[in-house]
Amino acid sequence: MKLPEGQIRGPASADAPAGGTRPRRTPDLTTQIFIGLLIGIVVGYLWPSFGVAVKPLADAFLRMIKMIIAPLLFATLVVGIAGTGDLKSMGRIGVKAIVYFEVATTVALFLGLALVNIVQPGAGLAMPIGADTSAAAAMAQNQQHAWDIFLHLFPTSVVDAMARGDILQLVVFSMFFGIAVAALGPKGQPILDVLDSTAQAMFRFTGYVMAFAPIGVFAAIAATVGGKGIAILFTLGKLIALMYLGLVIFVLIVVGGVSYLIRVPFLTFVKAIREPFLIAFTTASSEAALPKALEVMERFGVPKNIVGFVLPTGYSFNLDGTTLYLSLASVFVAQLAGLRMTLGQQLVMMLTLMLTSKGVAGVPRAALVVLTATLTQFGLPLEGAAILLGIDQVMDMGRTSVNVMGNCIATAVVARWEGVFDDAQMRAFEQGEEVPSRIYRPVPGD
């Protein structure tokens, strides 16, 4: 756990070395997570059975994160919306966010399509005979249709949505509740005060839970390496390497280009989101990174109402890493089966993926659900999806971390577009100054 600025390990001692050597500080959270990642790889490789056995530690960490999300998201979003009291402003922010989401995911899809056609990772590989496609077929049945996606926006019970951790339904309920509180005027102030304090408590709670992040990361990586083995990286290494290459290109060109256009230094942005990025990568869970991402983007200079709305909404509509993977994987299966798809057929498939990928928020293995449904629709063999199941965890780590990065930059894009991005706070963050979160209104006496 990171100590307050200036605090050092151990009590001050008069027996310090004459040279005035300063005692070492406790490593920050990013360093601790990275150490946990490296130790987890080593343990999973050398003692695979032990690596698999410690997976409950990773599950416990993810459960602790999930119990934070519902109250944190509800409190911050309601305070942000009711604090502005401007319904027209929230509608404008929503439209701008959706426009950016669609542009970013379209670029990701076509980048993946270009790479898979140039490199052709499935060419020359043998389609597995008699592969078990039952799991893939079951996933295909989970795909939702257009009306199902629309109806899914509205929870029948907010308690049920909170219990299931359905982020999209929480966002919709919180928006309506925030608008209602704003409409009350002065009568709504006691509600805002309670939720303000709730949000402060939940962010403090998040700090406590993040102290366990290195342990959770260690267990997650050890279980992945121990269960799947390093050898799996070589079985379909060409596809794995191609996806990670695509993600790197997307981050450097698209995210880097967007950072330049909105006048946000790319390296400063990367430094700001390093902790949620690492948490997403090591746990392969966007939810695990959400509390930290909300906190750091607020500290980075994005207003509270934009962070609270754009970031969780992007978890359903702005899956940059996932859409890039889907374009690669779908054409890879066609190549694996020896089927030549025309450019027109591939474009129709990309359009289908663009639409269907919006409807799987909260669905386990969401990318595979979309992929198997698309393969079924276009008559491609499910055996291809069956072999992708084996490497899905390795692929999921990369695409999930890029999803989180894409959603973080989206909050900065919308803030700059609205003309409310705080450059002074970003510069303070860049210079390493301690920047307090501005999610809350000042409390008298603080």
Protein backbone atom coordinates (compact mmCIF):
# COMPACT_ATOMS: atom_id res chain seq x y z
CA MET A 1 0.00 0.00 0.00
CA LYS A 2 1.32 3.41 -0.96
CA LEU A 3 2.32 5.58 1.97
CA PRO A 4 1.56 9.30 2.13
CA GLU A 5 4.05 11.58 0.45
CA GLY A 6 7.24 11.90 2.45
CA GLN A 7 6.52 8.96 4.77
CA ILE A 8 9.26 6.35 4.94
CA ARG A 9 9.41 2.83 6.21
CA GLY A 10 10.47 2.34 9.76
CA PRO A 11 10.80 4.87 12.56
CA ALA A 12 13.23 7.74 12.34
CA SER A 13 16.47 6.73 13.93
CA ALA A 14 19.39 8.65 15.32
CA ASP A 15 21.58 5.79 14.16
CA ALA A 16 21.22 6.66 10.51
CA PRO A 17 24.42 6.40 8.45
CA ALA A 18 26.72 9.39 8.78
CA GLY A 19 26.50 10.01 5.06
CA GLY A 20 22.86 11.00 5.49
CA THR A 21 21.56 8.17 3.31
CA ARG A 22 17.78 8.42 3.06
CA PRO A 23 15.89 5.20 3.90
CA ARG A 24 14.06 3.59 1.00
CA ARG A 25 10.42 4.41 0.45
CA THR A 26 7.78 1.73 0.01
CA PRO A 27 7.30 1.07 -3.74
CA ASP A 28 4.22 2.72 -5.21
CA LEU A 29 1.19 0.68 -6.26
CA THR A 30 2.26 0.45 -9.90
CA THR A 31 5.61 -1.05 -8.92
CA GLN A 32 3.95 -3.47 -6.51
CA ILE A 33 1.52 -4.64 -9.21
CA PHE A 34 4.36 -5.13 -11.69
CA ILE A 35 6.32 -7.14 -9.11
CA GLY A 36 3.23 -9.26 -8.47
CA LEU A 37 2.92 -9.82 -12.22
CA LEU A 38 6.52 -11.05 -12.57
CA ILE A 39 6.33 -13.30 -9.50
CA GLY A 40 3.04 -14.73 -10.74
CA ILE A 41 4.58 -15.65 -14.12
CA VAL A 42 7.53 -17.37 -12.42
CA VAL A 43 5.35 -19.26 -9.92
CA GLY A 44 2.86 -20.33 -12.60
CA TYR A 45 5.66 -21.62 -14.82
CA LEU A 46 7.73 -23.41 -12.16
CA TRP A 47 4.89 -24.64 -9.93
CA PRO A 48 1.76 -24.79 -12.14
CA SER A 49 -0.35 -26.74 -9.66
CA PHE A 50 0.35 -24.17 -6.94
CA GLY A 51 -0.38 -21.36 -9.42
CA VAL A 52 -3.81 -22.84 -10.14
CA ALA A 53 -4.42 -23.42 -6.43
CA VAL A 54 -4.00 -19.73 -5.52
CA LYS A 55 -6.65 -18.58 -8.02
CA PRO A 56 -9.18 -18.01 -5.17
CA LEU A 57 -7.00 -15.06 -4.08
CA ALA A 58 -7.57 -13.45 -7.48
CA ASP A 59 -11.29 -14.21 -7.28
CA ALA A 60 -11.45 -12.63 -3.81
CA PHE A 61 -9.78 -9.45 -5.11
CA LEU A 62 -12.22 -9.23 -8.02
CA ARG A 63 -15.15 -9.73 -5.64
CA MET A 64 -13.90 -6.88 -3.45
CA ILE A 65 -13.69 -4.65 -6.52
CA LYS A 66 -17.19 -5.59 -7.65
CA MET A 67 -18.70 -4.77 -4.27
CA ILE A 68 -17.34 -1.22 -4.68
CA ILE A 69 -18.65 -0.52 -8.18
CA ALA A 70 -22.42 -0.17 -7.63
CA PRO A 71 -22.40 2.36 -4.73
CA LEU A 72 -19.38 4.21 -6.17
CA LEU A 73 -20.84 4.54 -9.64
CA PHE A 74 -24.31 5.49 -8.38
CA ALA A 75 -23.01 8.14 -5.97
CA THR A 76 -20.52 9.79 -8.34
CA LEU A 77 -22.86 9.83 -11.33
CA VAL A 78 -25.84 11.24 -9.42
CA VAL A 79 -23.70 13.93 -7.77
CA GLY A 80 -22.18 14.80 -11.14
CA ILE A 81 -25.52 15.06 -12.96
CA ALA A 82 -27.50 16.72 -10.17
CA GLY A 83 -24.58 19.08 -9.48
CA THR A 84 -24.74 20.48 -13.02
CA GLY A 85 -28.52 20.65 -13.03
CA ASP A 86 -28.37 20.92 -16.82
CA LEU A 87 -30.24 18.18 -18.68
CA LYS A 88 -29.38 19.71 -22.06
CA SER A 89 -25.68 19.56 -21.18
CA MET A 90 -25.88 15.86 -20.29
CA GLY A 91 -27.67 15.11 -23.55
CA ARG A 92 -24.96 16.94 -25.49
CA ILE A 93 -22.24 15.02 -23.63
CA GLY A 94 -24.01 11.74 -24.40
CA VAL A 95 -24.21 12.48 -28.14
CA LYS A 96 -20.55 13.49 -28.31
CA ALA A 97 -19.51 10.37 -26.41
CA ILE A 98 -21.47 8.08 -28.76
CA VAL A 99 -19.98 9.80 -31.83
CA TYR A 100 -16.46 9.27 -30.52
CA PHE A 101 -17.21 5.68 -29.51
CA GLU A 102 -18.41 4.79 -32.99
CA VAL A 103 -15.43 6.40 -34.71
CA ALA A 104 -12.91 4.68 -32.41
CA THR A 105 -14.47 1.21 -32.65
CA THR A 106 -14.80 1.50 -36.44
CA VAL A 107 -11.09 2.32 -36.74
CA ALA A 108 -10.27 -0.65 -34.50
CA LEU A 109 -12.39 -3.01 -36.63
CA PHE A 110 -10.80 -1.97 -39.89
CA LEU A 111 -7.30 -2.03 -38.43
CA GLY A 112 -7.87 -5.64 -37.40
CA LEU A 113 -9.34 -6.44 -40.81
CA ALA A 114 -6.30 -4.99 -42.60
CA LEU A 115 -3.80 -6.88 -40.43
CA VAL A 116 -5.53 -10.27 -40.73
CA ASN A 117 -5.68 -9.96 -44.53
CA ILE A 118 -2.04 -8.91 -44.83
CA VAL A 119 -0.51 -11.46 -42.43
CA GLN A 120 -3.10 -14.28 -42.86
CA PRO A 121 -2.37 -16.07 -39.55
CA GLY A 122 -4.86 -18.87 -40.27
CA ALA A 123 -3.41 -19.84 -43.65
CA GLY A 124 -1.61 -23.17 -43.59
CA LEU A 125 -3.00 -24.30 -40.22
CA ALA A 126 -5.16 -27.41 -40.01
CA MET A 127 -8.72 -27.09 -38.80
CA PRO A 128 -9.10 -29.40 -35.76
CA ILE A 129 -11.11 -32.50 -36.60
CA GLY A 130 -13.76 -33.51 -34.12
CA ALA A 131 -13.16 -30.53 -31.88
CA ASP A 132 -15.67 -30.06 -29.08
CA THR A 133 -17.89 -27.22 -30.24
CA SER A 134 -20.54 -27.55 -27.53
CA ALA A 135 -19.19 -24.62 -25.49
CA ALA A 136 -18.96 -22.40 -28.56
CA ALA A 137 -22.47 -23.37 -29.67
CA ALA A 138 -23.84 -22.54 -26.22
CA MET A 139 -22.20 -19.11 -26.40
CA ALA A 140 -23.82 -18.44 -29.77
CA GLN A 141 -27.23 -18.85 -28.14
CA ASN A 142 -26.45 -16.02 -25.71
CA GLN A 143 -26.29 -13.37 -28.42
CA GLN A 144 -28.96 -10.70 -27.97
CA HIS A 145 -31.10 -9.19 -30.72
CA ALA A 146 -31.73 -5.49 -31.31
CA TRP A 147 -34.84 -5.21 -29.14
CA ASP A 148 -33.16 -7.25 -26.40
CA ILE A 149 -30.29 -4.76 -26.39
CA PHE A 150 -32.72 -1.85 -26.12
CA LEU A 151 -34.77 -3.44 -23.35
CA HIS A 152 -31.61 -4.37 -21.47
CA LEU A 153 -30.93 -0.68 -20.89
CA PHE A 154 -33.78 -0.44 -18.39
CA PRO A 155 -33.54 -2.42 -15.15
CA THR A 156 -36.70 -3.95 -13.70
CA SER A 157 -35.06 -3.50 -10.30
CA VAL A 158 -32.08 -1.31 -9.49
CA VAL A 159 -31.26 -3.66 -6.61
CA ASP A 160 -31.07 -6.55 -9.08
CA ALA A 161 -28.87 -4.48 -11.41
CA MET A 162 -26.54 -3.65 -8.51
CA ALA A 163 -26.43 -7.29 -7.41
CA ARG A 164 -25.47 -8.42 -10.91
CA GLY A 165 -23.05 -5.54 -11.41
CA ASP A 166 -24.77 -4.48 -14.63
CA ILE A 167 -22.93 -1.24 -15.33
CA LEU A 168 -25.10 -0.09 -18.22
CA GLN A 169 -28.34 -0.44 -16.25
CA LEU A 170 -26.74 1.35 -13.31
CA VAL A 171 -25.79 4.25 -15.58
CA VAL A 172 -29.34 4.55 -16.93
CA PHE A 173 -30.92 4.45 -13.46
CA SER A 174 -28.37 6.90 -12.05
CA MET A 175 -29.01 9.34 -14.91
CA PHE A 176 -32.75 9.40 -14.29
CA PHE A 177 -32.25 9.62 -10.53
CA GLY A 178 -29.74 12.47 -10.89
CA ILE A 179 -32.12 14.39 -13.18
CA ALA A 180 -34.93 13.90 -10.64
CA VAL A 181 -32.74 15.15 -7.77
CA ALA A 182 -31.71 18.19 -9.82
CA ALA A 183 -35.38 18.94 -10.53
CA LEU A 184 -36.11 19.06 -6.77
CA GLY A 185 -33.90 22.13 -6.37
CA PRO A 186 -33.06 22.96 -2.71
CA LYS A 187 -35.15 20.02 -1.50
CA GLY A 188 -32.72 17.66 -3.21
CA GLN A 189 -29.69 19.06 -1.39
CA PRO A 190 -29.87 16.59 1.56
CA ILE A 191 -29.79 13.70 -0.93
CA LEU A 192 -26.76 15.21 -2.65
CA ASP A 193 -25.01 15.65 0.69
CA VAL A 194 -25.56 11.99 1.60
CA LEU A 195 -24.36 10.76 -1.81
CA ASP A 196 -21.42 13.17 -1.65
CA SER A 197 -20.31 11.58 1.61
CA THR A 198 -21.03 8.12 0.20
CA ALA A 199 -18.76 8.81 -2.77
CA GLN A 200 -15.98 10.03 -0.47
CA ALA A 201 -16.30 6.90 1.65
CA MET A 202 -16.27 4.62 -1.41
CA PHE A 203 -13.12 6.22 -2.80
CA ARG A 204 -11.45 5.77 0.57
CA PHE A 205 -12.73 2.18 0.50
CA THR A 206 -11.21 1.79 -2.98
CA GLY A 207 -7.82 2.79 -1.57
CA TYR A 208 -8.05 0.02 1.02
CA VAL A 209 -9.03 -2.59 -1.58
CA MET A 210 -6.22 -1.49 -3.92
CA ALA A 211 -3.74 -2.46 -1.21
CA PHE A 212 -4.59 -6.07 -2.12
CA ALA A 213 -4.11 -5.49 -5.87
CA PRO A 214 -0.54 -6.93 -6.02
CA ILE A 215 -1.76 -10.14 -4.37
CA GLY A 216 -4.74 -10.38 -6.71
CA VAL A 217 -2.55 -9.75 -9.74
CA PHE A 218 -0.01 -12.35 -8.61
CA ALA A 219 -2.73 -14.98 -8.16
CA ALA A 220 -4.47 -14.17 -11.46
CA ILE A 221 -1.27 -14.44 -13.51
CA ALA A 222 -0.01 -17.52 -11.65
CA ALA A 223 -3.35 -19.28 -12.30
CA THR A 224 -3.34 -18.29 -15.99
CA VAL A 225 0.23 -19.45 -16.63
CA GLY A 226 -0.17 -22.54 -14.44
CA GLY A 227 -3.46 -23.58 -16.03
CA LYS A 228 -2.73 -22.78 -19.68
CA GLY A 229 1.04 -23.17 -19.73
CA ILE A 230 3.62 -21.10 -21.56
CA ALA A 231 3.42 -23.53 -24.48
CA ILE A 232 0.01 -22.18 -25.48
CA LEU A 233 1.73 -18.98 -26.57
CA PHE A 234 3.45 -20.96 -29.33
CA THR A 235 0.49 -23.10 -30.42
CA LEU A 236 -1.29 -20.16 -31.99
CA GLY A 237 1.52 -17.69 -31.48
CA LYS A 238 1.07 -16.04 -34.87
CA LEU A 239 -2.50 -14.98 -34.07
CA ILE A 240 -1.60 -13.87 -30.53
CA ALA A 241 1.38 -11.85 -31.77
CA LEU A 242 -0.74 -10.28 -34.52
CA MET A 243 -3.45 -9.20 -32.09
CA TYR A 244 -0.93 -7.63 -29.71
CA LEU A 245 0.77 -5.92 -32.67
CA GLY A 246 -2.62 -4.54 -33.69
CA LEU A 247 -3.27 -3.29 -30.17
CA VAL A 248 0.12 -1.56 -30.05
CA ILE A 249 -0.54 0.10 -33.43
CA PHE A 250 -3.99 1.21 -32.24
CA VAL A 251 -2.59 2.69 -29.03
CA LEU A 252 0.30 4.50 -30.72
CA ILE A 253 -1.52 5.81 -33.78
CA VAL A 254 -5.14 6.21 -32.67
CA VAL A 255 -4.86 6.92 -28.94
CA GLY A 256 -1.60 8.82 -29.47
CA GLY A 257 -3.09 10.77 -32.38
CA VAL A 258 -6.21 11.63 -30.41
CA SER A 259 -4.04 12.76 -27.47
CA TYR A 260 -2.17 15.10 -29.80
CA LEU A 261 -5.40 16.52 -31.27
CA ILE A 262 -6.89 17.29 -27.85
CA ARG A 263 -3.56 18.69 -26.56
CA VAL A 264 -3.00 16.05 -23.90
CA PRO A 265 0.61 14.78 -23.74
CA PHE A 266 0.47 11.09 -24.58
CA LEU A 267 3.15 9.99 -22.11
CA THR A 268 1.50 12.00 -19.34
CA PHE A 269 -1.80 10.28 -20.12
CA VAL A 270 -0.13 6.85 -20.09
CA LYS A 271 1.45 7.66 -16.73
CA ALA A 272 -1.93 8.70 -15.35
CA ILE A 273 -3.70 5.46 -16.28
CA ARG A 274 -0.87 3.02 -15.64
CA GLU A 275 -2.51 1.50 -12.56
CA PRO A 276 -5.98 0.81 -14.03
CA PHE A 277 -4.26 -0.39 -17.23
CA LEU A 278 -2.10 -2.90 -15.34
CA ILE A 279 -5.03 -4.07 -13.23
CA ALA A 280 -7.12 -4.64 -16.38
CA PHE A 281 -4.26 -6.47 -18.11
CA THR A 282 -3.40 -8.80 -15.26
CA THR A 283 -6.96 -9.64 -14.21
CA ALA A 284 -8.53 -9.51 -17.70
CA SER A 285 -11.41 -7.62 -16.05
CA SER A 286 -12.56 -4.14 -17.03
CA GLU A 287 -14.64 -3.97 -13.86
CA ALA A 288 -11.54 -4.41 -11.72
CA ALA A 289 -10.03 -1.28 -13.24
CA LEU A 290 -13.16 0.90 -13.13
CA PRO A 291 -12.87 2.39 -9.60
CA LYS A 292 -9.24 3.38 -10.12
CA ALA A 293 -9.94 4.70 -13.63
CA LEU A 294 -12.75 6.92 -12.30
CA GLU A 295 -10.40 8.32 -9.69
CA VAL A 296 -7.36 8.99 -11.88
CA MET A 297 -9.26 10.63 -14.75
CA GLU A 298 -10.95 12.99 -12.30
CA ARG A 299 -7.53 13.85 -10.84
CA PHE A 300 -6.19 14.24 -14.39
CA GLY A 301 -8.52 17.18 -15.10
CA VAL A 302 -11.76 15.72 -16.48
CA PRO A 303 -14.90 17.09 -14.74
CA LYS A 304 -16.82 14.76 -12.46
CA ASN A 305 -20.02 14.61 -14.52
CA ILE A 306 -18.13 13.63 -17.69
CA VAL A 307 -15.99 11.00 -15.95
CA GLY A 308 -19.02 9.52 -14.21
CA PHE A 309 -21.04 9.28 -17.42
CA VAL A 310 -18.58 8.61 -20.26
CA LEU A 311 -16.31 6.05 -18.60
CA PRO A 312 -18.94 3.49 -17.51
CA THR A 313 -20.99 4.02 -20.69
CA GLY A 314 -17.88 3.25 -22.72
CA TYR A 315 -17.69 -0.15 -21.00
CA SER A 316 -20.66 -1.12 -23.18
CA PHE A 317 -20.18 0.97 -26.31
CA ASN A 318 -16.44 1.62 -26.70
CA LEU A 319 -14.64 -1.73 -26.64
CA ASP A 320 -11.69 -0.82 -28.87
CA GLY A 321 -9.51 -3.81 -28.00
CA THR A 322 -12.42 -6.24 -28.25
CA THR A 323 -13.59 -5.00 -31.65
CA LEU A 324 -10.06 -5.25 -33.05
CA TYR A 325 -9.86 -8.83 -31.75
CA LEU A 326 -13.25 -9.72 -33.27
CA SER A 327 -12.23 -8.60 -36.74
CA LEU A 328 -9.01 -10.61 -36.49
CA ALA A 329 -10.63 -13.73 -35.05
CA SER A 330 -13.59 -13.93 -37.43
CA VAL A 331 -11.47 -13.76 -40.60
CA PHE A 332 -8.86 -16.04 -38.95
CA VAL A 333 -11.51 -18.77 -38.60
CA ALA A 334 -12.41 -18.39 -42.28
CA GLN A 335 -8.72 -18.72 -43.21
CA LEU A 336 -8.40 -21.73 -40.92
CA ALA A 337 -11.29 -23.42 -42.74
CA GLY A 338 -9.75 -22.61 -46.13
CA LEU A 339 -12.66 -20.32 -47.09
CA ARG A 340 -11.91 -17.25 -49.15
CA MET A 341 -14.14 -14.34 -48.20
CA THR A 342 -14.53 -11.46 -50.62
CA LEU A 343 -13.96 -7.91 -49.43
CA GLY A 344 -17.71 -7.32 -49.62
CA GLN A 345 -18.44 -10.31 -47.39
CA GLN A 346 -15.84 -9.18 -44.90
CA LEU A 347 -17.31 -5.66 -44.82
CA VAL A 348 -20.78 -7.07 -44.12
CA MET A 349 -19.28 -9.16 -41.33
CA MET A 350 -17.57 -6.08 -39.88
CA LEU A 351 -20.88 -4.19 -39.91
CA THR A 352 -22.51 -7.10 -38.11
CA LEU A 353 -19.76 -7.18 -35.51
CA MET A 354 -20.02 -3.41 -35.05
CA LEU A 355 -23.70 -3.73 -34.16
CA THR A 356 -23.75 -6.98 -32.19
CA SER A 357 -20.76 -6.10 -30.01
CA LYS A 358 -22.85 -3.35 -28.39
CA GLY A 359 -25.23 -5.82 -26.80
CA VAL A 360 -23.04 -7.98 -24.61
CA ALA A 361 -22.36 -5.73 -21.62
CA GLY A 362 -22.05 -7.90 -18.53
CA VAL A 363 -22.00 -11.17 -20.51
CA PRO A 364 -19.12 -13.47 -19.47
CA ARG A 365 -16.60 -13.97 -22.29
CA ALA A 366 -18.41 -11.27 -24.23
CA ALA A 367 -16.01 -11.32 -27.20
CA LEU A 368 -16.46 -15.07 -27.68
CA VAL A 369 -20.24 -14.72 -27.43
CA VAL A 370 -20.22 -12.18 -30.28
CA LEU A 371 -17.70 -14.21 -32.29
CA THR A 372 -19.59 -17.50 -32.10
CA ALA A 373 -22.90 -15.83 -32.98
CA THR A 374 -21.26 -14.16 -36.00
CA LEU A 375 -19.64 -17.41 -37.16
CA THR A 376 -23.01 -19.13 -36.98
CA GLN A 377 -24.71 -16.35 -38.93
CA PHE A 378 -22.13 -16.46 -41.74
CA GLY A 379 -21.89 -20.25 -41.90
CA LEU A 380 -18.32 -20.47 -40.62
CA PRO A 381 -17.27 -23.56 -38.62
CA LEU A 382 -17.54 -23.36 -34.83
CA GLU A 383 -14.42 -25.53 -34.58
CA GLY A 384 -12.47 -22.31 -35.13
CA ALA A 385 -14.07 -20.75 -32.08
CA ALA A 386 -13.42 -23.93 -30.11
CA ILE A 387 -9.66 -23.64 -30.55
CA LEU A 388 -9.79 -19.93 -29.68
CA LEU A 389 -11.27 -20.86 -26.32
CA GLY A 390 -7.88 -22.25 -25.33
CA ILE A 391 -6.08 -18.94 -25.81
CA ASP A 392 -8.91 -16.61 -24.90
CA GLN A 393 -7.47 -15.71 -21.49
CA VAL A 394 -4.17 -14.62 -23.07
CA MET A 395 -6.01 -12.59 -25.70
CA ASP A 396 -8.47 -11.18 -23.17
CA MET A 397 -5.69 -9.60 -21.11
CA GLY A 398 -4.56 -7.43 -24.02
CA ARG A 399 -7.94 -6.43 -25.37
CA THR A 400 -9.34 -5.61 -21.90
CA SER A 401 -6.45 -3.29 -21.02
CA VAL A 402 -6.83 -1.44 -24.34
CA ASN A 403 -10.59 -1.20 -23.71
CA VAL A 404 -9.83 0.60 -20.45
CA MET A 405 -7.26 2.88 -22.09
CA GLY A 406 -9.70 3.74 -24.89
CA ASN A 407 -12.43 4.65 -22.42
CA CYS A 408 -10.08 6.80 -20.34
CA ILE A 409 -8.99 8.84 -23.36
CA ALA A 410 -12.66 9.12 -24.38
CA THR A 411 -13.41 11.07 -21.18
CA ALA A 412 -10.62 13.53 -22.04
CA VAL A 413 -11.91 13.85 -25.63
CA VAL A 414 -15.43 14.71 -24.52
CA ALA A 415 -14.15 17.10 -21.84
CA ARG A 416 -12.00 18.95 -24.39
CA TRP A 417 -14.86 18.94 -26.89
CA GLU A 418 -17.06 20.52 -24.24
CA GLY A 419 -14.33 23.06 -23.42
CA VAL A 420 -14.15 22.05 -19.75
CA PHE A 421 -10.90 20.09 -19.58
CA ASP A 422 -8.74 21.42 -16.71
CA ASP A 423 -5.28 22.03 -18.23
CA ALA A 424 -3.91 23.46 -14.99
CA GLN A 425 -4.79 20.30 -13.11
CA MET A 426 -3.28 18.14 -15.87
CA ARG A 427 -0.03 20.14 -15.68
CA ALA A 428 0.04 19.74 -11.91
CA PHE A 429 -0.42 16.00 -12.38
CA GLU A 430 2.33 15.97 -15.04
CA GLN A 431 4.76 17.68 -12.66
CA GLY A 432 4.10 15.08 -9.98
CA GLU A 433 2.21 17.36 -7.61
CA GLU A 434 -0.36 15.79 -5.33
CA VAL A 435 -3.67 16.48 -7.07
CA PRO A 436 -6.80 15.92 -4.98
CA SER A 437 -9.90 14.47 -6.59
CA ARG A 438 -12.48 17.13 -7.51
CA ILE A 439 -15.40 14.74 -7.55
CA TYR A 440 -16.81 16.26 -4.39
CA ARG A 441 -17.83 19.71 -3.35
CA PRO A 442 -15.73 21.18 -0.51
CA VAL A 443 -17.04 20.26 2.92
CA PRO A 444 -17.16 23.16 5.39
CA GLY A 445 -14.32 22.93 7.84
CA ASP A 446 -12.03 20.90 5.54
